[in-house]
Structure formats: C-alpha cells, structure tokens
N, C-alpha and C. Protein backbone atom coordinates (compact mmCIF):
# COMPACT_ATOMS: atom_id res chain seq x y z
N MET A 1 57.31 30.34 -25.33
CA MET A 1 58.10 29.74 -24.26
C MET A 1 57.27 29.72 -22.97
N ASP A 2 57.30 28.60 -22.29
CA ASP A 2 56.56 28.48 -21.03
C ASP A 2 57.19 29.38 -19.97
N ASP A 3 56.37 29.82 -19.03
CA ASP A 3 56.86 30.65 -17.94
C ASP A 3 57.61 29.77 -16.94
N ILE A 4 58.92 29.87 -16.94
CA ILE A 4 59.78 29.03 -16.10
C ILE A 4 59.43 29.21 -14.63
N ARG A 5 59.20 30.43 -14.21
CA ARG A 5 58.90 30.70 -12.80
C ARG A 5 57.64 29.94 -12.37
N LYS A 6 56.61 29.97 -13.21
CA LYS A 6 55.35 29.28 -12.89
C LYS A 6 55.54 27.77 -12.87
N LEU A 7 56.20 27.23 -13.89
CA LEU A 7 56.44 25.79 -13.95
C LEU A 7 57.27 25.32 -12.76
N ASP A 8 58.31 26.08 -12.44
CA ASP A 8 59.17 25.69 -11.33
C ASP A 8 58.40 25.74 -10.01
N ALA A 9 57.53 26.73 -9.85
CA ALA A 9 56.71 26.81 -8.63
C ALA A 9 55.78 25.61 -8.51
N GLU A 10 55.19 25.18 -9.63
CA GLU A 10 54.32 24.00 -9.62
C GLU A 10 55.11 22.75 -9.24
N LEU A 11 56.28 22.60 -9.83
CA LEU A 11 57.14 21.46 -9.51
C LEU A 11 57.53 21.48 -8.03
N ASN A 12 57.96 22.63 -7.54
CA ASN A 12 58.35 22.74 -6.14
C ASN A 12 57.20 22.42 -5.19
N ALA A 13 56.00 22.87 -5.52
CA ALA A 13 54.84 22.59 -4.67
C ALA A 13 54.57 21.09 -4.60
N MET A 14 54.71 20.40 -5.73
CA MET A 14 54.50 18.95 -5.72
C MET A 14 55.55 18.25 -4.86
N VAL A 15 56.80 18.66 -4.99
CA VAL A 15 57.88 18.05 -4.19
C VAL A 15 57.62 18.29 -2.71
N GLN A 16 57.27 19.52 -2.35
CA GLN A 16 56.99 19.82 -0.94
C GLN A 16 55.80 19.03 -0.41
N GLY A 17 54.87 18.70 -1.29
CA GLY A 17 53.71 17.91 -0.91
C GLY A 17 53.97 16.41 -0.91
N GLY A 18 55.23 16.02 -1.13
CA GLY A 18 55.58 14.60 -1.11
C GLY A 18 55.31 13.87 -2.41
N GLN A 19 54.97 14.59 -3.46
CA GLN A 19 54.66 13.97 -4.75
C GLN A 19 55.90 13.99 -5.65
N ILE A 20 56.97 13.41 -5.16
CA ILE A 20 58.25 13.46 -5.88
C ILE A 20 58.16 12.72 -7.21
N LEU A 21 57.66 11.51 -7.21
CA LEU A 21 57.61 10.73 -8.46
C LEU A 21 56.59 11.29 -9.45
N PRO A 22 55.38 11.67 -9.04
CA PRO A 22 54.48 12.31 -10.00
C PRO A 22 55.06 13.61 -10.58
N ALA A 23 55.77 14.38 -9.76
CA ALA A 23 56.40 15.60 -10.25
C ALA A 23 57.47 15.27 -11.28
N PHE A 24 58.24 14.23 -11.02
CA PHE A 24 59.27 13.80 -11.96
C PHE A 24 58.63 13.43 -13.31
N GLU A 25 57.57 12.65 -13.27
CA GLU A 25 56.91 12.23 -14.51
C GLU A 25 56.37 13.42 -15.29
N ARG A 26 55.81 14.38 -14.59
CA ARG A 26 55.17 15.52 -15.25
C ARG A 26 56.16 16.53 -15.81
N PHE A 27 57.22 16.81 -15.08
CA PHE A 27 58.05 17.96 -15.42
C PHE A 27 59.41 17.65 -16.03
N TYR A 28 59.86 16.41 -16.01
CA TYR A 28 61.22 16.11 -16.48
C TYR A 28 61.20 15.55 -17.90
N GLY A 29 62.14 16.02 -18.72
CA GLY A 29 62.24 15.60 -20.11
C GLY A 29 62.84 14.21 -20.26
N ASP A 30 62.61 13.62 -21.43
CA ASP A 30 63.10 12.27 -21.70
C ASP A 30 64.62 12.17 -21.66
N ASP A 31 65.31 13.24 -22.00
CA ASP A 31 66.77 13.23 -22.06
C ASP A 31 67.41 13.95 -20.87
N VAL A 32 66.67 14.07 -19.77
CA VAL A 32 67.17 14.82 -18.61
C VAL A 32 68.50 14.26 -18.12
N VAL A 33 69.37 15.17 -17.71
CA VAL A 33 70.65 14.82 -17.11
C VAL A 33 70.63 15.34 -15.67
N MET A 34 70.86 14.44 -14.71
CA MET A 34 70.84 14.82 -13.30
C MET A 34 72.17 14.47 -12.66
N GLN A 35 72.55 15.29 -11.67
CA GLN A 35 73.86 15.10 -11.04
C GLN A 35 73.79 15.46 -9.56
N GLU A 36 74.42 14.63 -8.74
CA GLU A 36 74.55 14.87 -7.31
C GLU A 36 75.97 15.36 -7.05
N ASN A 37 76.09 16.59 -6.55
CA ASN A 37 77.41 17.17 -6.25
C ASN A 37 78.35 16.97 -7.43
N SER A 38 79.53 16.39 -7.19
CA SER A 38 80.49 16.18 -8.28
C SER A 38 80.51 14.73 -8.75
N GLU A 39 79.47 13.98 -8.40
CA GLU A 39 79.33 12.61 -8.91
C GLU A 39 79.11 12.65 -10.42
N PRO A 40 79.34 11.56 -11.12
CA PRO A 40 79.09 11.55 -12.56
C PRO A 40 77.61 11.83 -12.87
N PRO A 41 77.33 12.59 -13.91
CA PRO A 41 75.94 12.84 -14.28
C PRO A 41 75.25 11.56 -14.75
N VAL A 42 73.94 11.50 -14.55
CA VAL A 42 73.12 10.38 -14.99
C VAL A 42 72.20 10.90 -16.08
N SER A 43 72.21 10.25 -17.24
CA SER A 43 71.44 10.72 -18.39
C SER A 43 70.22 9.86 -18.65
N GLY A 44 69.14 10.52 -19.05
CA GLY A 44 67.93 9.84 -19.47
C GLY A 44 66.89 9.73 -18.37
N LYS A 45 65.63 9.81 -18.78
CA LYS A 45 64.53 9.77 -17.82
C LYS A 45 64.42 8.40 -17.16
N THR A 46 64.66 7.34 -17.89
CA THR A 46 64.54 6.00 -17.31
C THR A 46 65.55 5.79 -16.19
N ALA A 47 66.81 6.13 -16.43
CA ALA A 47 67.85 5.96 -15.41
C ALA A 47 67.59 6.86 -14.21
N ASN A 48 67.14 8.08 -14.46
CA ASN A 48 66.90 9.01 -13.36
C ASN A 48 65.62 8.67 -12.60
N ARG A 49 64.64 8.11 -13.28
CA ARG A 49 63.44 7.63 -12.59
C ARG A 49 63.84 6.56 -11.57
N ALA A 50 64.72 5.65 -11.96
CA ALA A 50 65.18 4.59 -11.06
C ALA A 50 65.88 5.20 -9.84
N ARG A 51 66.67 6.24 -10.04
CA ARG A 51 67.34 6.92 -8.93
C ARG A 51 66.32 7.58 -7.99
N GLU A 52 65.35 8.25 -8.57
CA GLU A 52 64.31 8.90 -7.76
C GLU A 52 63.50 7.86 -6.99
N GLN A 53 63.17 6.76 -7.65
CA GLN A 53 62.42 5.69 -6.98
C GLN A 53 63.23 5.10 -5.84
N ALA A 54 64.52 4.90 -6.05
CA ALA A 54 65.38 4.35 -4.99
C ALA A 54 65.43 5.29 -3.80
N PHE A 55 65.49 6.60 -4.05
CA PHE A 55 65.49 7.56 -2.95
C PHE A 55 64.17 7.48 -2.18
N VAL A 56 63.06 7.53 -2.88
CA VAL A 56 61.74 7.46 -2.23
C VAL A 56 61.62 6.17 -1.43
N ASP A 57 62.06 5.06 -2.00
CA ASP A 57 61.96 3.76 -1.32
C ASP A 57 62.86 3.68 -0.09
N SER A 58 63.90 4.50 -0.03
CA SER A 58 64.84 4.46 1.10
C SER A 58 64.34 5.25 2.31
N VAL A 59 63.28 6.02 2.12
CA VAL A 59 62.79 6.90 3.18
C VAL A 59 61.70 6.19 3.99
N ALA A 60 61.91 6.15 5.31
CA ALA A 60 60.91 5.57 6.21
C ALA A 60 59.85 6.61 6.57
N GLU A 61 60.27 7.86 6.77
CA GLU A 61 59.32 8.91 7.16
C GLU A 61 59.85 10.27 6.72
N VAL A 62 58.94 11.07 6.17
CA VAL A 62 59.26 12.44 5.81
C VAL A 62 58.72 13.35 6.91
N HIS A 63 59.60 14.10 7.52
CA HIS A 63 59.20 15.05 8.57
C HIS A 63 58.98 16.44 7.98
N GLY A 64 59.59 16.70 6.84
CA GLY A 64 59.39 17.98 6.18
C GLY A 64 60.29 18.15 4.98
N ILE A 65 59.74 18.77 3.94
CA ILE A 65 60.50 19.18 2.77
C ILE A 65 60.16 20.65 2.58
N HIS A 66 61.14 21.50 2.82
CA HIS A 66 60.88 22.94 2.85
C HIS A 66 61.72 23.67 1.81
N LEU A 67 61.06 24.49 1.01
CA LEU A 67 61.76 25.36 0.06
C LEU A 67 61.97 26.70 0.76
N LEU A 68 63.22 27.04 1.03
CA LEU A 68 63.55 28.25 1.78
C LEU A 68 63.67 29.48 0.89
N ALA A 69 64.15 29.28 -0.34
CA ALA A 69 64.32 30.40 -1.27
C ALA A 69 64.35 29.85 -2.68
N THR A 70 63.94 30.69 -3.62
CA THR A 70 63.97 30.30 -5.02
C THR A 70 64.21 31.53 -5.88
N ALA A 71 64.79 31.30 -7.05
CA ALA A 71 65.03 32.38 -8.00
C ALA A 71 65.10 31.78 -9.40
N THR A 72 64.79 32.60 -10.39
CA THR A 72 64.93 32.17 -11.77
C THR A 72 65.69 33.23 -12.55
N ALA A 73 66.42 32.78 -13.54
CA ALA A 73 67.14 33.66 -14.45
C ALA A 73 67.16 32.98 -15.81
N GLY A 74 66.44 33.55 -16.76
CA GLY A 74 66.36 32.92 -18.07
C GLY A 74 65.71 31.55 -17.97
N ASP A 75 66.42 30.52 -18.42
CA ASP A 75 65.88 29.16 -18.39
C ASP A 75 66.37 28.36 -17.19
N VAL A 76 66.94 29.05 -16.18
CA VAL A 76 67.50 28.38 -15.01
C VAL A 76 66.71 28.76 -13.76
N ALA A 77 66.43 27.75 -12.93
CA ALA A 77 65.76 27.97 -11.65
C ALA A 77 66.64 27.42 -10.54
N PHE A 78 66.70 28.17 -9.46
CA PHE A 78 67.51 27.82 -8.31
C PHE A 78 66.61 27.61 -7.10
N GLY A 79 66.94 26.65 -6.25
CA GLY A 79 66.18 26.44 -5.03
C GLY A 79 67.10 26.13 -3.86
N GLU A 80 66.72 26.66 -2.70
CA GLU A 80 67.41 26.32 -1.45
C GLU A 80 66.43 25.50 -0.62
N TRP A 81 66.82 24.28 -0.30
CA TRP A 81 65.93 23.31 0.33
C TRP A 81 66.43 22.88 1.70
N LEU A 82 65.48 22.48 2.55
CA LEU A 82 65.79 21.82 3.81
C LEU A 82 64.95 20.55 3.85
N LEU A 83 65.62 19.40 3.84
CA LEU A 83 64.94 18.10 3.88
C LEU A 83 65.14 17.49 5.25
N ASP A 84 64.05 17.00 5.82
CA ASP A 84 64.08 16.37 7.14
C ASP A 84 63.41 15.01 6.99
N VAL A 85 64.23 13.96 6.93
CA VAL A 85 63.72 12.61 6.68
C VAL A 85 64.40 11.59 7.59
N THR A 86 63.69 10.50 7.81
CA THR A 86 64.28 9.33 8.47
C THR A 86 64.39 8.24 7.42
N PHE A 87 65.60 7.70 7.27
CA PHE A 87 65.82 6.64 6.29
C PHE A 87 65.58 5.28 6.91
N LYS A 88 65.12 4.35 6.10
CA LYS A 88 64.94 2.97 6.55
C LYS A 88 66.30 2.42 6.98
N GLY A 89 66.33 1.79 8.14
CA GLY A 89 67.57 1.22 8.63
C GLY A 89 68.60 2.25 9.04
N GLY A 90 68.19 3.50 9.13
CA GLY A 90 69.13 4.56 9.49
C GLY A 90 68.46 5.56 10.40
N GLY A 91 69.10 6.66 10.55
CA GLY A 91 68.58 7.68 11.45
C GLY A 91 67.93 8.82 10.72
N ARG A 92 67.48 9.76 11.52
CA ARG A 92 66.88 10.97 11.00
C ARG A 92 67.98 11.90 10.49
N VAL A 93 67.74 12.49 9.32
CA VAL A 93 68.71 13.37 8.69
C VAL A 93 68.03 14.68 8.33
N ILE A 94 68.65 15.78 8.70
CA ILE A 94 68.20 17.10 8.26
C ILE A 94 69.29 17.63 7.34
N MET A 95 68.94 17.84 6.08
CA MET A 95 69.93 18.16 5.07
C MET A 95 69.57 19.45 4.35
N ALA A 96 70.52 20.38 4.30
CA ALA A 96 70.39 21.58 3.48
C ALA A 96 70.92 21.25 2.09
N GLN A 97 70.19 21.71 1.08
CA GLN A 97 70.55 21.37 -0.30
C GLN A 97 70.19 22.52 -1.22
N ALA A 98 71.00 22.74 -2.23
CA ALA A 98 70.68 23.69 -3.30
C ALA A 98 70.47 22.90 -4.58
N SER A 99 69.50 23.33 -5.36
CA SER A 99 69.25 22.69 -6.65
C SER A 99 69.32 23.73 -7.76
N VAL A 100 69.85 23.31 -8.90
CA VAL A 100 69.90 24.15 -10.09
C VAL A 100 69.25 23.37 -11.21
N ARG A 101 68.16 23.92 -11.76
CA ARG A 101 67.43 23.25 -12.85
C ARG A 101 67.52 24.08 -14.11
N ARG A 102 67.70 23.40 -15.22
CA ARG A 102 67.66 24.05 -16.53
C ARG A 102 66.42 23.54 -17.27
N TRP A 103 65.63 24.47 -17.76
CA TRP A 103 64.37 24.16 -18.42
C TRP A 103 64.48 24.40 -19.93
N LYS A 104 63.74 23.58 -20.70
CA LYS A 104 63.63 23.79 -22.14
C LYS A 104 62.28 23.24 -22.59
N ASP A 105 61.53 24.05 -23.29
CA ASP A 105 60.22 23.64 -23.82
C ASP A 105 59.31 23.08 -22.73
N GLY A 106 59.33 23.70 -21.56
CA GLY A 106 58.43 23.31 -20.48
C GLY A 106 58.85 22.09 -19.69
N LYS A 107 60.06 21.59 -19.91
CA LYS A 107 60.55 20.41 -19.19
C LYS A 107 61.93 20.69 -18.59
N VAL A 108 62.21 20.03 -17.48
CA VAL A 108 63.55 20.09 -16.89
C VAL A 108 64.46 19.21 -17.75
N VAL A 109 65.53 19.79 -18.26
CA VAL A 109 66.47 19.03 -19.10
C VAL A 109 67.77 18.74 -18.36
N ALA A 110 68.00 19.46 -17.26
CA ALA A 110 69.19 19.22 -16.43
C ALA A 110 68.91 19.68 -15.01
N GLU A 111 69.42 18.92 -14.05
CA GLU A 111 69.28 19.31 -12.64
C GLU A 111 70.52 18.83 -11.89
N ARG A 112 71.03 19.72 -11.05
CA ARG A 112 72.18 19.36 -10.23
C ARG A 112 71.89 19.76 -8.79
N PHE A 113 72.27 18.87 -7.88
CA PHE A 113 72.07 19.10 -6.45
C PHE A 113 73.42 19.32 -5.79
N TYR A 114 73.46 20.28 -4.88
CA TYR A 114 74.66 20.58 -4.10
C TYR A 114 74.31 20.46 -2.62
N TYR A 115 75.06 19.64 -1.90
CA TYR A 115 74.81 19.47 -0.47
C TYR A 115 76.05 18.88 0.18
N ASN A 116 76.11 19.00 1.50
CA ASN A 116 77.22 18.44 2.27
C ASN A 116 76.85 17.02 2.66
N LYS A 117 77.66 16.07 2.28
CA LYS A 117 77.39 14.67 2.62
C LYS A 117 77.64 14.38 4.09
N GLY A 118 78.31 15.30 4.78
CA GLY A 118 78.54 15.19 6.22
C GLY A 118 79.28 13.98 6.60
C-alpha cells in the first residue's frame, strides 16, 4: 500500500504551487467521485476534469493557496485550506475550505469539499 501521507503531501504541494490540473491528472483515479458541500456528487475522471478545468479557467489571478493543516487516518486525508483568488468578471474572494480525500491504490477515489458559499 502506498504511503497516503506522502502521496497527499505531494498532491498538496502541487496544488499550492498552482499545478491544479497536473495534480489532478497524476493523483486522481479514473472512477473518482467528487462533491462540493451537499451538491450532487460528480463521478468519473472525465467529468471531474471538466469541473477542475472550468474552475481554473474562471480564475483571473491567484493571490495564494495555503494549506493551514492536514491529517491522515487510514486511507483518508484531511486538509484545511485558505484560497485567495480573483475571478474573471468578479471580485477577489478569500475562502476557507476543508477537503476530505479517500485514497485507494495510490489514487484519490473520492474527494469532498466543505466551505461557506457566503
């Protein structure tokens, strides 16, 4: 079994470095299920790639992506994030977010984000 803590740290470092899409390609499984808050889950790498691409395309400027805390337990990794971005056609947003990732065979198979939509 791959070391979840090490894999999650590598993924987090890529995200913090602005490499969101390369991190997605490298670390997410083909059948990944992702969910925003209590919205319906989205299944499959293709559908979730489109969501990730849409998010990246919506950002005019990244002021910072900060991982404030992280923990792992078994095959689950938790992260507390602070995102500071300006969206195209919108304003600057500073958003606190928690992420919960489930890993299997070295890939993220599920991820859920929790944040206040304000």
